[in-house]
């Protein structure tokens, strides 16, 4: 089950992977956004409620392009009789473009079975994986097939968790500056576009894919 300990175990570096896709908005606990339920590929342990299975996917930062944020201001503008422009603001909505080059088609050679408490993958009991023979994305984030599968299963909206420096989401006091190592923004989004190219086919382990994604806020 996703907890601060689990998310800490799933990241390779000081900060988490930049993007996480989730079925739910999760909870905000001590300034930390945490999805509800189990990650895809997680060992369910004693959890028997199937509604908690396959609730989120952590994306890889391997060969990822910059995340392009394009806000759109939805408003109605009209010029008054005195010549001054007036705007009726409705909402601001975000579009995100992101892509990966030469991303492994799978993150592990088989089901990683992430420990539900620690987030550490066991890969069918072989112990913490060795990158060269068991783990194919360096940070354990999703490979191409996992991204494609999420796309196929989500014709509607889902939640995008983002980890980048946007401390203003937590206010303007000193505490707001302490969220750099966390998912600090949450947006409900649709797929606007999904494209992938099989660049190189591997021998017996994985292929290399190029993947590009465009997301639009609900």
N, C-alpha and C. Protein backbone atom coordinates (compact mmCIF):
# COMPACT_ATOMS: atom_id res chain seq x y z
N UNK A 1 0.85 -1.20 0.00
CA UNK A 1 0.00 0.00 0.00
C UNK A 1 0.88 1.24 0.00
N UNK A 2 0.50 2.24 -0.77
CA UNK A 2 1.32 3.45 -0.88
C UNK A 2 1.36 4.20 0.45
N UNK A 3 2.57 4.49 0.90
CA UNK A 3 2.83 5.25 2.11
C UNK A 3 4.08 6.09 1.84
N UNK A 4 4.41 7.05 2.71
CA UNK A 4 5.68 7.76 2.53
C UNK A 4 6.87 6.81 2.47
N UNK A 5 6.87 5.75 3.27
CA UNK A 5 7.95 4.77 3.26
C UNK A 5 8.03 4.06 1.92
N UNK A 6 6.87 3.69 1.38
CA UNK A 6 6.83 2.99 0.09
C UNK A 6 7.39 3.88 -1.01
N UNK A 7 6.94 5.13 -1.08
CA UNK A 7 7.41 6.04 -2.13
C UNK A 7 8.90 6.31 -1.99
N UNK A 8 9.38 6.40 -0.76
CA UNK A 8 10.82 6.59 -0.55
C UNK A 8 11.62 5.39 -1.05
N UNK A 9 11.06 4.18 -0.88
CA UNK A 9 11.74 2.99 -1.35
C UNK A 9 11.74 2.84 -2.85
N UNK A 10 10.78 3.47 -3.52
CA UNK A 10 10.65 3.35 -4.98
C UNK A 10 11.50 4.37 -5.74
N UNK A 11 12.04 5.36 -5.07
CA UNK A 11 12.87 6.33 -5.78
C UNK A 11 14.34 5.94 -5.66
N UNK A 12 15.10 6.21 -6.71
CA UNK A 12 16.51 5.85 -6.70
C UNK A 12 17.38 6.97 -6.14
N UNK A 13 16.95 8.20 -6.39
CA UNK A 13 17.75 9.34 -5.99
C UNK A 13 17.05 10.11 -4.87
N UNK A 14 17.56 11.27 -4.53
CA UNK A 14 17.00 12.04 -3.41
C UNK A 14 15.57 12.48 -3.67
N UNK A 15 15.27 12.76 -4.94
CA UNK A 15 13.92 13.19 -5.30
C UNK A 15 13.22 12.07 -6.06
N UNK A 16 11.89 12.01 -5.98
CA UNK A 16 11.18 10.94 -6.70
C UNK A 16 11.19 11.18 -8.21
N UNK A 17 10.80 10.17 -8.95
CA UNK A 17 10.63 10.33 -10.39
C UNK A 17 9.65 11.47 -10.64
N UNK A 18 9.83 12.16 -11.75
CA UNK A 18 9.12 13.43 -11.96
C UNK A 18 7.61 13.28 -12.13
N UNK A 19 7.16 12.08 -12.53
CA UNK A 19 5.74 11.94 -12.84
C UNK A 19 5.22 10.58 -12.39
N UNK A 20 4.00 10.60 -11.88
CA UNK A 20 3.30 9.40 -11.45
C UNK A 20 1.87 9.50 -11.97
N UNK A 21 1.34 8.43 -12.53
CA UNK A 21 -0.06 8.40 -12.98
C UNK A 21 -0.87 7.54 -12.02
N UNK A 22 -2.05 8.02 -11.66
CA UNK A 22 -2.84 7.34 -10.64
C UNK A 22 -4.32 7.31 -11.00
N UNK A 23 -4.99 6.27 -10.51
CA UNK A 23 -6.44 6.16 -10.66
C UNK A 23 -7.18 7.13 -9.73
N UNK A 24 -6.49 7.65 -8.72
CA UNK A 24 -7.16 8.43 -7.70
C UNK A 24 -6.32 9.62 -7.27
N UNK A 25 -6.99 10.56 -6.60
CA UNK A 25 -6.31 11.77 -6.13
C UNK A 25 -5.55 11.52 -4.84
N UNK A 26 -5.71 10.35 -4.25
CA UNK A 26 -4.96 10.00 -3.05
C UNK A 26 -5.28 10.91 -1.88
N UNK A 27 -4.28 11.10 -1.03
CA UNK A 27 -4.44 11.92 0.17
C UNK A 27 -3.26 12.88 0.27
N UNK A 28 -3.47 13.96 0.99
CA UNK A 28 -2.41 14.92 1.28
C UNK A 28 -2.08 14.78 2.76
N UNK A 29 -0.92 14.18 3.04
CA UNK A 29 -0.52 13.91 4.40
C UNK A 29 0.77 14.65 4.71
N UNK A 30 0.69 15.61 5.62
CA UNK A 30 1.85 16.42 5.99
C UNK A 30 2.54 17.04 4.77
N UNK A 31 1.70 17.50 3.84
CA UNK A 31 2.22 18.14 2.64
C UNK A 31 2.68 17.18 1.57
N UNK A 32 2.46 15.88 1.75
CA UNK A 32 2.91 14.87 0.80
C UNK A 32 1.72 14.21 0.12
N UNK A 33 1.66 14.31 -1.21
CA UNK A 33 0.61 13.64 -1.97
C UNK A 33 0.94 12.15 -2.06
N UNK A 34 0.01 11.30 -1.64
CA UNK A 34 0.21 9.86 -1.65
C UNK A 34 -0.98 9.20 -2.33
N UNK A 35 -0.77 8.45 -3.42
CA UNK A 35 -1.90 7.77 -4.05
C UNK A 35 -2.45 6.67 -3.15
N UNK A 36 -3.71 6.36 -3.32
CA UNK A 36 -4.35 5.31 -2.55
C UNK A 36 -4.21 3.98 -3.29
N UNK A 37 -3.91 2.91 -2.56
CA UNK A 37 -3.87 1.59 -3.16
C UNK A 37 -2.47 1.13 -3.51
N UNK A 38 -2.41 0.10 -4.35
CA UNK A 38 -1.17 -0.57 -4.69
C UNK A 38 -0.69 -0.19 -6.09
N UNK A 39 0.61 -0.11 -6.24
CA UNK A 39 1.21 0.17 -7.55
C UNK A 39 1.06 -1.04 -8.47
N UNK A 40 0.98 -0.79 -9.77
CA UNK A 40 1.00 -1.87 -10.74
C UNK A 40 2.32 -2.64 -10.58
N UNK A 41 2.22 -3.95 -10.46
CA UNK A 41 3.41 -4.77 -10.26
C UNK A 41 3.76 -4.98 -8.80
N UNK A 42 2.90 -4.50 -7.90
CA UNK A 42 3.18 -4.63 -6.48
C UNK A 42 2.70 -5.98 -5.95
N UNK A 43 3.44 -6.52 -5.00
CA UNK A 43 3.02 -7.72 -4.29
C UNK A 43 1.90 -7.31 -3.34
N UNK A 44 0.68 -7.84 -3.51
CA UNK A 44 -0.44 -7.40 -2.66
C UNK A 44 -0.32 -7.81 -1.21
N UNK A 45 0.57 -8.76 -0.90
CA UNK A 45 0.71 -9.20 0.48
C UNK A 45 -0.60 -9.72 1.03
N UNK A 46 -1.04 -9.15 2.15
CA UNK A 46 -2.28 -9.61 2.77
C UNK A 46 -3.50 -8.86 2.24
N UNK A 47 -3.31 -7.90 1.33
CA UNK A 47 -4.42 -7.12 0.80
C UNK A 47 -5.28 -8.00 -0.11
N UNK A 48 -6.58 -8.08 0.18
CA UNK A 48 -7.49 -8.92 -0.60
C UNK A 48 -8.53 -8.11 -1.36
N UNK A 49 -8.61 -6.81 -1.08
CA UNK A 49 -9.57 -5.95 -1.77
C UNK A 49 -9.03 -5.63 -3.17
N UNK A 50 -9.61 -6.23 -4.20
CA UNK A 50 -9.09 -6.06 -5.55
C UNK A 50 -9.23 -4.62 -6.05
N UNK A 51 -10.10 -3.84 -5.42
CA UNK A 51 -10.25 -2.44 -5.81
C UNK A 51 -8.99 -1.64 -5.49
N UNK A 52 -8.13 -2.19 -4.65
CA UNK A 52 -6.88 -1.53 -4.29
C UNK A 52 -5.73 -1.91 -5.22
N UNK A 53 -5.94 -2.90 -6.09
CA UNK A 53 -4.87 -3.37 -6.97
C UNK A 53 -4.67 -2.40 -8.14
N UNK A 54 -3.43 -2.31 -8.64
CA UNK A 54 -3.10 -1.59 -9.88
C UNK A 54 -3.66 -0.17 -9.91
N UNK A 55 -3.38 0.59 -8.86
CA UNK A 55 -3.94 1.93 -8.73
C UNK A 55 -3.03 3.04 -9.24
N UNK A 56 -1.73 2.78 -9.37
CA UNK A 56 -0.87 3.85 -9.87
C UNK A 56 0.37 3.28 -10.54
N UNK A 57 1.03 4.14 -11.32
CA UNK A 57 2.20 3.77 -12.10
C UNK A 57 3.24 4.88 -11.98
N UNK A 58 4.45 4.53 -11.54
CA UNK A 58 5.53 5.49 -11.44
C UNK A 58 6.31 5.48 -12.75
N UNK A 59 6.45 6.64 -13.38
CA UNK A 59 7.11 6.73 -14.68
C UNK A 59 8.62 6.91 -14.51
N UNK A 60 9.35 6.45 -15.51
CA UNK A 60 10.80 6.53 -15.45
C UNK A 60 11.30 7.90 -15.90
N UNK A 61 12.44 8.30 -15.36
CA UNK A 61 13.12 9.51 -15.84
C UNK A 61 14.21 9.18 -16.86
N UNK A 62 14.36 7.91 -17.23
CA UNK A 62 15.38 7.51 -18.20
C UNK A 62 15.14 8.18 -19.55
N UNK A 63 16.12 8.93 -20.04
CA UNK A 63 16.05 9.54 -21.36
C UNK A 63 14.75 10.32 -21.59
N UNK A 64 14.25 10.90 -20.51
CA UNK A 64 13.02 11.70 -20.61
C UNK A 64 13.35 13.11 -21.07
N UNK A 65 12.49 13.64 -21.94
CA UNK A 65 12.64 15.02 -22.38
C UNK A 65 12.23 15.97 -21.27
N UNK A 66 12.54 17.25 -21.40
CA UNK A 66 11.95 18.22 -20.46
C UNK A 66 10.43 18.14 -20.48
N UNK A 67 9.82 18.34 -19.33
CA UNK A 67 8.35 18.34 -19.25
C UNK A 67 7.86 19.73 -19.64
N UNK A 68 7.12 19.80 -20.72
CA UNK A 68 6.67 21.08 -21.27
C UNK A 68 5.27 21.40 -20.75
N UNK A 69 5.15 22.45 -19.94
CA UNK A 69 3.87 22.89 -19.40
C UNK A 69 3.35 24.05 -20.25
N UNK A 70 2.11 23.93 -20.71
CA UNK A 70 1.51 24.99 -21.52
C UNK A 70 0.14 25.36 -20.94
N UNK A 71 0.11 26.36 -20.07
CA UNK A 71 -1.18 26.78 -19.51
C UNK A 71 -2.01 27.52 -20.55
N UNK A 72 -3.31 27.28 -20.52
CA UNK A 72 -4.26 27.99 -21.38
C UNK A 72 -5.23 28.76 -20.50
N UNK A 73 -5.32 30.05 -20.72
CA UNK A 73 -6.24 30.88 -19.94
C UNK A 73 -7.57 30.96 -20.69
N UNK A 74 -8.60 30.40 -20.08
CA UNK A 74 -9.93 30.40 -20.70
C UNK A 74 -10.67 31.63 -20.19
N UNK A 75 -11.00 32.51 -21.11
CA UNK A 75 -11.61 33.78 -20.73
C UNK A 75 -12.38 34.36 -21.90
N UNK A 76 -13.22 35.30 -21.60
CA UNK A 76 -13.94 36.04 -22.63
C UNK A 76 -13.53 37.50 -22.53
N UNK A 77 -13.00 38.01 -23.62
CA UNK A 77 -12.56 39.41 -23.63
C UNK A 77 -13.46 40.22 -24.55
N UNK A 78 -13.75 41.42 -24.12
CA UNK A 78 -14.50 42.34 -24.97
C UNK A 78 -14.12 43.77 -24.61
N UNK A 79 -14.19 44.62 -25.60
CA UNK A 79 -13.81 46.01 -25.42
C UNK A 79 -15.05 46.85 -25.09
N UNK A 80 -14.93 47.65 -24.05
CA UNK A 80 -16.04 48.47 -23.60
C UNK A 80 -16.20 49.71 -24.51
N UNK A 81 -17.28 50.44 -24.29
CA UNK A 81 -17.55 51.62 -25.13
C UNK A 81 -16.50 52.70 -24.96
N UNK A 82 -15.79 52.68 -23.82
CA UNK A 82 -14.74 53.67 -23.60
C UNK A 82 -13.40 53.22 -24.18
N UNK A 83 -13.40 52.04 -24.86
CA UNK A 83 -12.19 51.54 -25.50
C UNK A 83 -11.34 50.65 -24.63
N UNK A 84 -11.68 50.51 -23.35
CA UNK A 84 -10.88 49.68 -22.43
C UNK A 84 -11.29 48.21 -22.54
N UNK A 85 -10.30 47.31 -22.57
CA UNK A 85 -10.57 45.89 -22.66
C UNK A 85 -10.95 45.32 -21.29
N UNK A 86 -11.98 44.50 -21.28
CA UNK A 86 -12.39 43.82 -20.06
C UNK A 86 -12.35 42.32 -20.30
N UNK A 87 -11.87 41.56 -19.30
CA UNK A 87 -11.77 40.11 -19.42
C UNK A 87 -12.61 39.44 -18.34
N UNK A 88 -13.37 38.42 -18.76
CA UNK A 88 -14.14 37.59 -17.83
C UNK A 88 -13.41 36.24 -17.74
N UNK A 89 -12.65 36.06 -16.68
CA UNK A 89 -11.82 34.85 -16.54
C UNK A 89 -12.68 33.68 -16.09
N UNK A 90 -12.51 32.53 -16.79
CA UNK A 90 -13.26 31.32 -16.46
C UNK A 90 -12.38 30.32 -15.72
N UNK A 91 -11.24 29.97 -16.29
CA UNK A 91 -10.33 29.01 -15.66
C UNK A 91 -9.00 29.01 -16.39
N UNK A 92 -7.98 28.49 -15.71
CA UNK A 92 -6.70 28.21 -16.34
C UNK A 92 -6.56 26.69 -16.41
N UNK A 93 -6.23 26.17 -17.59
CA UNK A 93 -6.08 24.73 -17.78
C UNK A 93 -4.70 24.44 -18.36
N UNK A 94 -4.14 23.29 -17.95
CA UNK A 94 -2.77 22.95 -18.31
C UNK A 94 -2.70 21.85 -19.36
N UNK A 95 -1.78 21.99 -20.28
CA UNK A 95 -1.41 20.94 -21.22
C UNK A 95 0.05 20.57 -20.96
N UNK A 96 0.33 19.27 -20.92
CA UNK A 96 1.68 18.78 -20.66
C UNK A 96 2.14 17.92 -21.82
N UNK A 97 3.33 18.22 -22.33
CA UNK A 97 3.99 17.38 -23.34
C UNK A 97 5.24 16.78 -22.73
N UNK A 98 5.42 15.47 -22.92
CA UNK A 98 6.62 14.80 -22.41
C UNK A 98 6.93 13.63 -23.32
N UNK A 99 8.20 13.28 -23.44
CA UNK A 99 8.58 12.17 -24.31
C UNK A 99 9.80 11.45 -23.74
N UNK A 100 10.02 10.24 -24.24
CA UNK A 100 11.18 9.44 -23.86
C UNK A 100 11.86 8.93 -25.12
N UNK A 101 13.18 8.92 -25.12
CA UNK A 101 13.96 8.37 -26.22
C UNK A 101 14.67 7.11 -25.75
N UNK A 102 14.62 6.10 -26.57
CA UNK A 102 15.31 4.83 -26.27
C UNK A 102 14.94 4.32 -24.87
N UNK A 103 13.66 4.31 -24.59
CA UNK A 103 13.16 3.80 -23.30
C UNK A 103 13.00 2.28 -23.41
N UNK A 104 13.53 1.52 -22.46
CA UNK A 104 13.30 0.07 -22.49
C UNK A 104 11.80 -0.25 -22.54
N UNK A 105 11.45 -1.28 -23.29
CA UNK A 105 10.03 -1.63 -23.44
C UNK A 105 9.43 -2.19 -22.16
N UNK A 106 10.27 -2.64 -21.24
CA UNK A 106 9.80 -3.12 -19.94
C UNK A 106 10.77 -2.65 -18.87
N UNK A 107 10.27 -2.48 -17.67
CA UNK A 107 11.14 -1.99 -16.60
C UNK A 107 11.92 -3.11 -15.92
N UNK A 108 11.35 -4.31 -15.88
CA UNK A 108 12.00 -5.48 -15.29
C UNK A 108 11.81 -6.67 -16.22
N UNK A 109 12.62 -7.70 -16.02
CA UNK A 109 12.51 -8.84 -16.92
C UNK A 109 11.24 -9.64 -16.66
N UNK A 110 10.65 -9.49 -15.46
CA UNK A 110 9.38 -10.14 -15.14
C UNK A 110 8.66 -9.25 -14.13
N UNK A 111 7.54 -9.73 -13.58
CA UNK A 111 6.78 -8.93 -12.62
C UNK A 111 7.67 -8.54 -11.45
N UNK A 112 7.83 -7.25 -11.15
CA UNK A 112 8.79 -6.85 -10.11
C UNK A 112 8.37 -7.19 -8.69
N UNK A 113 7.06 -7.33 -8.43
CA UNK A 113 6.56 -7.64 -7.09
C UNK A 113 7.13 -6.67 -6.06
N UNK A 114 6.87 -5.38 -6.25
CA UNK A 114 7.31 -4.38 -5.28
C UNK A 114 6.75 -4.72 -3.90
N UNK A 115 7.61 -4.71 -2.91
CA UNK A 115 7.17 -4.97 -1.54
C UNK A 115 6.17 -3.90 -1.13
N UNK A 116 5.01 -4.31 -0.63
CA UNK A 116 3.92 -3.38 -0.33
C UNK A 116 4.27 -2.40 0.78
N UNK A 117 5.29 -2.70 1.57
CA UNK A 117 5.69 -1.83 2.66
C UNK A 117 6.88 -0.96 2.30
N UNK A 118 7.91 -1.57 1.72
CA UNK A 118 9.16 -0.86 1.46
C UNK A 118 9.29 -0.32 0.04
N UNK A 119 8.49 -0.86 -0.90
CA UNK A 119 8.62 -0.44 -2.29
C UNK A 119 9.78 -1.09 -3.02
N UNK A 120 10.55 -1.92 -2.35
CA UNK A 120 11.72 -2.56 -2.97
C UNK A 120 11.25 -3.73 -3.83
N UNK A 121 11.68 -3.81 -5.10
CA UNK A 121 11.27 -4.93 -5.95
C UNK A 121 12.03 -6.20 -5.59
N UNK A 122 11.32 -7.33 -5.67
CA UNK A 122 11.96 -8.61 -5.39
C UNK A 122 12.16 -9.44 -6.64
N UNK A 123 11.42 -9.16 -7.71
CA UNK A 123 11.51 -9.89 -8.98
C UNK A 123 11.44 -11.39 -8.74
N UNK A 124 10.25 -11.83 -8.32
CA UNK A 124 9.95 -13.26 -8.12
C UNK A 124 10.93 -13.95 -7.18
N UNK A 125 11.35 -13.23 -6.14
CA UNK A 125 12.14 -13.86 -5.10
C UNK A 125 13.64 -13.89 -5.33
N UNK A 126 14.12 -13.24 -6.38
CA UNK A 126 15.55 -13.26 -6.65
C UNK A 126 16.32 -12.17 -5.91
N UNK A 127 15.67 -11.46 -5.05
CA UNK A 127 16.34 -10.39 -4.31
C UNK A 127 16.34 -9.09 -5.08
N UNK A 128 16.86 -8.04 -4.46
CA UNK A 128 16.89 -6.73 -5.13
C UNK A 128 17.61 -6.87 -6.47
N UNK A 129 16.99 -6.40 -7.55
CA UNK A 129 17.50 -6.74 -8.88
C UNK A 129 18.84 -6.10 -9.21
N UNK A 130 19.60 -6.83 -9.98
CA UNK A 130 20.83 -6.31 -10.57
C UNK A 130 20.46 -5.66 -11.89
N UNK A 131 20.86 -4.41 -12.10
CA UNK A 131 20.45 -3.67 -13.29
C UNK A 131 20.76 -4.42 -14.57
N UNK A 132 21.90 -5.09 -14.62
CA UNK A 132 22.34 -5.69 -15.87
C UNK A 132 21.48 -6.87 -16.31
N UNK A 133 20.89 -7.60 -15.38
CA UNK A 133 20.17 -8.80 -15.80
C UNK A 133 18.71 -8.85 -15.37
N UNK A 134 18.26 -7.95 -14.51
CA UNK A 134 16.88 -8.02 -14.04
C UNK A 134 16.11 -6.72 -14.19
N UNK A 135 16.77 -5.58 -14.01
CA UNK A 135 16.10 -4.28 -14.05
C UNK A 135 16.61 -3.50 -15.26
N UNK A 136 15.66 -2.99 -16.07
CA UNK A 136 16.05 -2.40 -17.34
C UNK A 136 15.95 -0.88 -17.36
N UNK A 137 15.03 -0.29 -16.63
CA UNK A 137 15.07 1.16 -16.44
C UNK A 137 15.88 1.42 -15.17
N UNK A 138 16.77 2.38 -15.20
CA UNK A 138 17.71 2.53 -14.09
C UNK A 138 17.03 2.87 -12.78
N UNK A 139 15.88 3.55 -12.84
CA UNK A 139 15.20 3.95 -11.61
C UNK A 139 13.99 3.07 -11.29
N UNK A 140 13.78 2.01 -12.07
CA UNK A 140 12.65 1.12 -11.82
C UNK A 140 11.32 1.68 -12.26
N UNK A 141 11.32 2.83 -12.95
CA UNK A 141 10.07 3.42 -13.45
C UNK A 141 9.57 2.68 -14.67
N UNK A 142 8.37 3.01 -15.10
CA UNK A 142 7.67 2.28 -16.15
C UNK A 142 8.42 2.30 -17.48
N UNK A 143 8.38 1.16 -18.17
CA UNK A 143 8.89 1.06 -19.52
C UNK A 143 7.80 1.33 -20.53
N UNK A 144 8.12 1.16 -21.80
CA UNK A 144 7.19 1.50 -22.86
C UNK A 144 5.88 0.75 -22.82
N UNK A 145 5.94 -0.56 -22.56
CA UNK A 145 4.72 -1.36 -22.54
C UNK A 145 3.79 -0.92 -21.41
N UNK A 146 4.37 -0.60 -20.26
CA UNK A 146 3.55 -0.14 -19.13
C UNK A 146 2.85 1.17 -19.46
N UNK A 147 3.55 2.07 -20.16
CA UNK A 147 2.93 3.33 -20.58
C UNK A 147 1.80 3.08 -21.57
N UNK A 148 2.06 2.22 -22.54
CA UNK A 148 1.04 1.90 -23.55
C UNK A 148 -0.17 1.23 -22.92
N UNK A 149 0.05 0.34 -21.98
CA UNK A 149 -1.05 -0.35 -21.33
C UNK A 149 -1.92 0.63 -20.54
N UNK A 150 -1.27 1.60 -19.86
CA UNK A 150 -2.04 2.61 -19.14
C UNK A 150 -2.89 3.43 -20.12
N UNK A 151 -2.31 3.79 -21.24
CA UNK A 151 -3.04 4.55 -22.26
C UNK A 151 -4.26 3.77 -22.75
N UNK A 152 -4.08 2.50 -23.05
CA UNK A 152 -5.19 1.68 -23.55
C UNK A 152 -6.31 1.56 -22.54
N UNK A 153 -5.96 1.55 -21.27
CA UNK A 153 -6.96 1.33 -20.21
C UNK A 153 -7.57 2.62 -19.68
N UNK A 154 -7.19 3.78 -20.24
CA UNK A 154 -7.69 5.05 -19.72
C UNK A 154 -8.20 5.95 -20.84
N UNK A 155 -9.44 5.67 -21.24
CA UNK A 155 -10.10 6.55 -22.19
C UNK A 155 -10.67 7.77 -21.48
N UNK A 156 -10.82 7.68 -20.18
CA UNK A 156 -11.28 8.81 -19.38
C UNK A 156 -10.11 9.48 -18.67
N UNK A 157 -10.43 10.23 -17.64
CA UNK A 157 -9.40 11.00 -16.95
C UNK A 157 -8.68 10.15 -15.90
N UNK A 158 -7.52 10.62 -15.51
CA UNK A 158 -6.75 10.03 -14.42
C UNK A 158 -5.94 11.16 -13.78
N UNK A 159 -5.25 10.84 -12.70
CA UNK A 159 -4.53 11.87 -11.93
C UNK A 159 -3.04 11.81 -12.21
N UNK A 160 -2.45 12.96 -12.43
CA UNK A 160 -1.01 13.07 -12.69
C UNK A 160 -0.36 13.75 -11.49
N UNK A 161 0.55 13.03 -10.83
CA UNK A 161 1.34 13.57 -9.72
C UNK A 161 2.66 14.07 -10.29
N UNK A 162 3.08 15.26 -9.89
CA UNK A 162 4.28 15.88 -10.44
C UNK A 162 5.25 16.25 -9.32
N UNK A 163 6.53 15.99 -9.57
CA UNK A 163 7.56 16.34 -8.60
C UNK A 163 8.55 17.29 -9.27
N UNK A 164 8.33 18.58 -9.09
CA UNK A 164 9.27 19.60 -9.54
C UNK A 164 9.12 20.78 -8.59
N UNK A 165 10.05 21.70 -8.63
CA UNK A 165 10.04 22.77 -7.63
C UNK A 165 8.91 23.76 -7.90
N UNK A 166 7.84 23.62 -7.16
CA UNK A 166 6.71 24.55 -7.25
C UNK A 166 6.19 24.78 -5.83
N UNK A 167 7.07 25.33 -4.98
CA UNK A 167 6.76 25.47 -3.55
C UNK A 167 5.54 26.34 -3.28
N UNK A 168 5.17 27.21 -4.22
CA UNK A 168 4.03 28.11 -4.01
C UNK A 168 2.72 27.34 -3.83
N UNK A 169 2.69 26.07 -4.26
CA UNK A 169 1.49 25.25 -4.04
C UNK A 169 1.19 25.07 -2.57
N UNK A 170 2.18 25.28 -1.70
CA UNK A 170 2.02 25.05 -0.28
C UNK A 170 2.01 26.34 0.53
N UNK A 171 1.89 27.46 -0.15
CA UNK A 171 1.82 28.73 0.56
C UNK A 171 3.09 29.55 0.39
N UNK A 172 3.24 30.53 1.25
CA UNK A 172 4.37 31.45 1.13
C UNK A 172 5.22 31.53 2.40
N UNK A 173 4.93 30.68 3.36
CA UNK A 173 5.74 30.69 4.57
C UNK A 173 6.94 29.77 4.42
N UNK A 174 7.76 29.69 5.45
CA UNK A 174 8.99 28.92 5.37
C UNK A 174 8.75 27.44 5.12
N UNK A 175 7.65 26.90 5.68
CA UNK A 175 7.35 25.48 5.51
C UNK A 175 7.10 25.12 4.04
N UNK A 176 6.62 26.08 3.26
CA UNK A 176 6.32 25.81 1.86
C UNK A 176 7.55 25.41 1.07
N UNK A 177 8.72 25.79 1.56
CA UNK A 177 9.96 25.52 0.84
C UNK A 177 10.48 24.10 1.08
N UNK A 178 9.81 23.33 1.91
CA UNK A 178 10.35 22.03 2.30
C UNK A 178 9.79 20.84 1.55
N UNK A 179 9.23 21.06 0.36
CA UNK A 179 8.57 19.97 -0.36
C UNK A 179 9.27 19.58 -1.65
N UNK A 180 10.53 19.94 -1.79
CA UNK A 180 11.23 19.69 -3.04
C UNK A 180 11.35 18.20 -3.35
N UNK A 181 11.52 17.38 -2.33
CA UNK A 181 11.71 15.95 -2.53
C UNK A 181 10.42 15.16 -2.52
N UNK A 182 9.30 15.79 -2.89
CA UNK A 182 8.00 15.12 -2.83
C UNK A 182 7.21 15.40 -4.10
N UNK A 183 6.15 14.61 -4.31
CA UNK A 183 5.17 14.99 -5.33
C UNK A 183 4.41 16.19 -4.78
N UNK A 184 4.50 17.32 -5.49
CA UNK A 184 3.95 18.55 -4.93
C UNK A 184 2.88 19.21 -5.77
N UNK A 185 2.45 18.52 -6.84
CA UNK A 185 1.34 19.04 -7.64
C UNK A 185 0.52 17.88 -8.16
N UNK A 186 -0.77 18.08 -8.26
CA UNK A 186 -1.70 17.03 -8.64
C UNK A 186 -2.71 17.61 -9.63
N UNK A 187 -2.81 17.00 -10.84
CA UNK A 187 -3.70 17.51 -11.88
C UNK A 187 -4.49 16.34 -12.47
N UNK A 188 -5.79 16.51 -12.62
CA UNK A 188 -6.62 15.51 -13.29
C UNK A 188 -6.57 15.79 -14.79
N UNK A 189 -6.21 14.75 -15.59
CA UNK A 189 -5.93 14.98 -17.00
C UNK A 189 -6.47 13.85 -17.88
N UNK A 190 -6.59 14.16 -19.18
CA UNK A 190 -6.91 13.19 -20.23
C UNK A 190 -5.70 13.02 -21.14
N UNK A 191 -5.64 11.88 -21.83
CA UNK A 191 -4.70 11.74 -22.92
C UNK A 191 -5.22 12.53 -24.12
N UNK A 192 -4.41 13.42 -24.67
CA UNK A 192 -4.74 14.10 -25.91
C UNK A 192 -4.02 13.44 -27.08
N UNK A 193 -2.86 12.84 -26.79
CA UNK A 193 -2.10 12.17 -27.85
C UNK A 193 -1.12 11.19 -27.22
N UNK A 194 -0.92 10.06 -27.88
CA UNK A 194 0.04 9.06 -27.43
C UNK A 194 0.64 8.41 -28.67
N UNK A 195 1.96 8.49 -28.79
CA UNK A 195 2.65 7.90 -29.94
C UNK A 195 3.87 7.13 -29.46
N UNK A 196 4.15 6.01 -30.14
CA UNK A 196 5.36 5.27 -29.80
C UNK A 196 5.97 4.65 -31.05
N UNK A 197 7.28 4.51 -31.00
CA UNK A 197 8.04 3.93 -32.10
C UNK A 197 8.96 2.85 -31.53
N UNK A 198 8.93 1.68 -32.12
CA UNK A 198 9.86 0.62 -31.73
C UNK A 198 11.16 0.87 -32.50
N UNK A 199 12.16 1.36 -31.79
CA UNK A 199 13.41 1.79 -32.44
C UNK A 199 14.35 0.63 -32.69
N UNK A 200 14.58 -0.18 -31.66
CA UNK A 200 15.46 -1.34 -31.78
C UNK A 200 14.84 -2.52 -31.04
N UNK A 201 14.91 -3.67 -31.66
CA UNK A 201 14.41 -4.88 -31.02
C UNK A 201 15.56 -5.61 -30.35
N UNK A 202 15.36 -5.97 -29.09
CA UNK A 202 16.40 -6.68 -28.35
C UNK A 202 16.42 -8.16 -28.69
N UNK A 203 17.41 -8.84 -28.19
CA UNK A 203 17.53 -10.26 -28.47
C UNK A 203 16.60 -11.10 -27.62
N UNK A 204 16.78 -11.05 -26.30
CA UNK A 204 15.97 -11.90 -25.42
C UNK A 204 15.50 -11.15 -24.18
N UNK A 205 15.71 -9.84 -24.14
CA UNK A 205 15.34 -9.14 -22.91
C UNK A 205 14.32 -8.01 -23.14
N UNK A 206 14.64 -7.00 -23.94
CA UNK A 206 13.69 -5.90 -24.15
C UNK A 206 14.02 -5.18 -25.44
N UNK A 207 13.05 -4.37 -25.90
CA UNK A 207 13.25 -3.50 -27.05
C UNK A 207 13.49 -2.08 -26.55
N UNK A 208 13.91 -1.20 -27.45
CA UNK A 208 14.00 0.22 -27.16
C UNK A 208 12.86 0.94 -27.89
N UNK A 209 12.13 1.77 -27.16
CA UNK A 209 11.01 2.53 -27.72
C UNK A 209 11.27 4.03 -27.58
N UNK A 210 10.71 4.79 -28.50
CA UNK A 210 10.51 6.22 -28.33
C UNK A 210 9.04 6.44 -28.05
N UNK A 211 8.71 7.20 -27.02
CA UNK A 211 7.32 7.43 -26.62
C UNK A 211 7.10 8.94 -26.43
N UNK A 212 6.00 9.44 -26.97
CA UNK A 212 5.63 10.84 -26.73
C UNK A 212 4.18 10.91 -26.29
N UNK A 213 3.92 11.77 -25.31
CA UNK A 213 2.60 11.87 -24.69
C UNK A 213 2.20 13.33 -24.56
N UNK A 214 0.93 13.61 -24.86
CA UNK A 214 0.35 14.92 -24.58
C UNK A 214 -0.84 14.73 -23.67
N UNK A 215 -0.88 15.48 -22.57
CA UNK A 215 -1.96 15.39 -21.58
C UNK A 215 -2.67 16.73 -21.49
N UNK A 216 -3.99 16.70 -21.34
CA UNK A 216 -4.77 17.92 -21.19
C UNK A 216 -5.56 17.88 -19.88
N UNK A 217 -5.57 18.97 -19.17
CA UNK A 217 -6.28 19.03 -17.90
C UNK A 217 -7.79 18.97 -18.11
N UNK A 218 -8.46 18.29 -17.20
CA UNK A 218 -9.92 18.15 -17.25
C UNK A 218 -10.59 19.52 -17.17
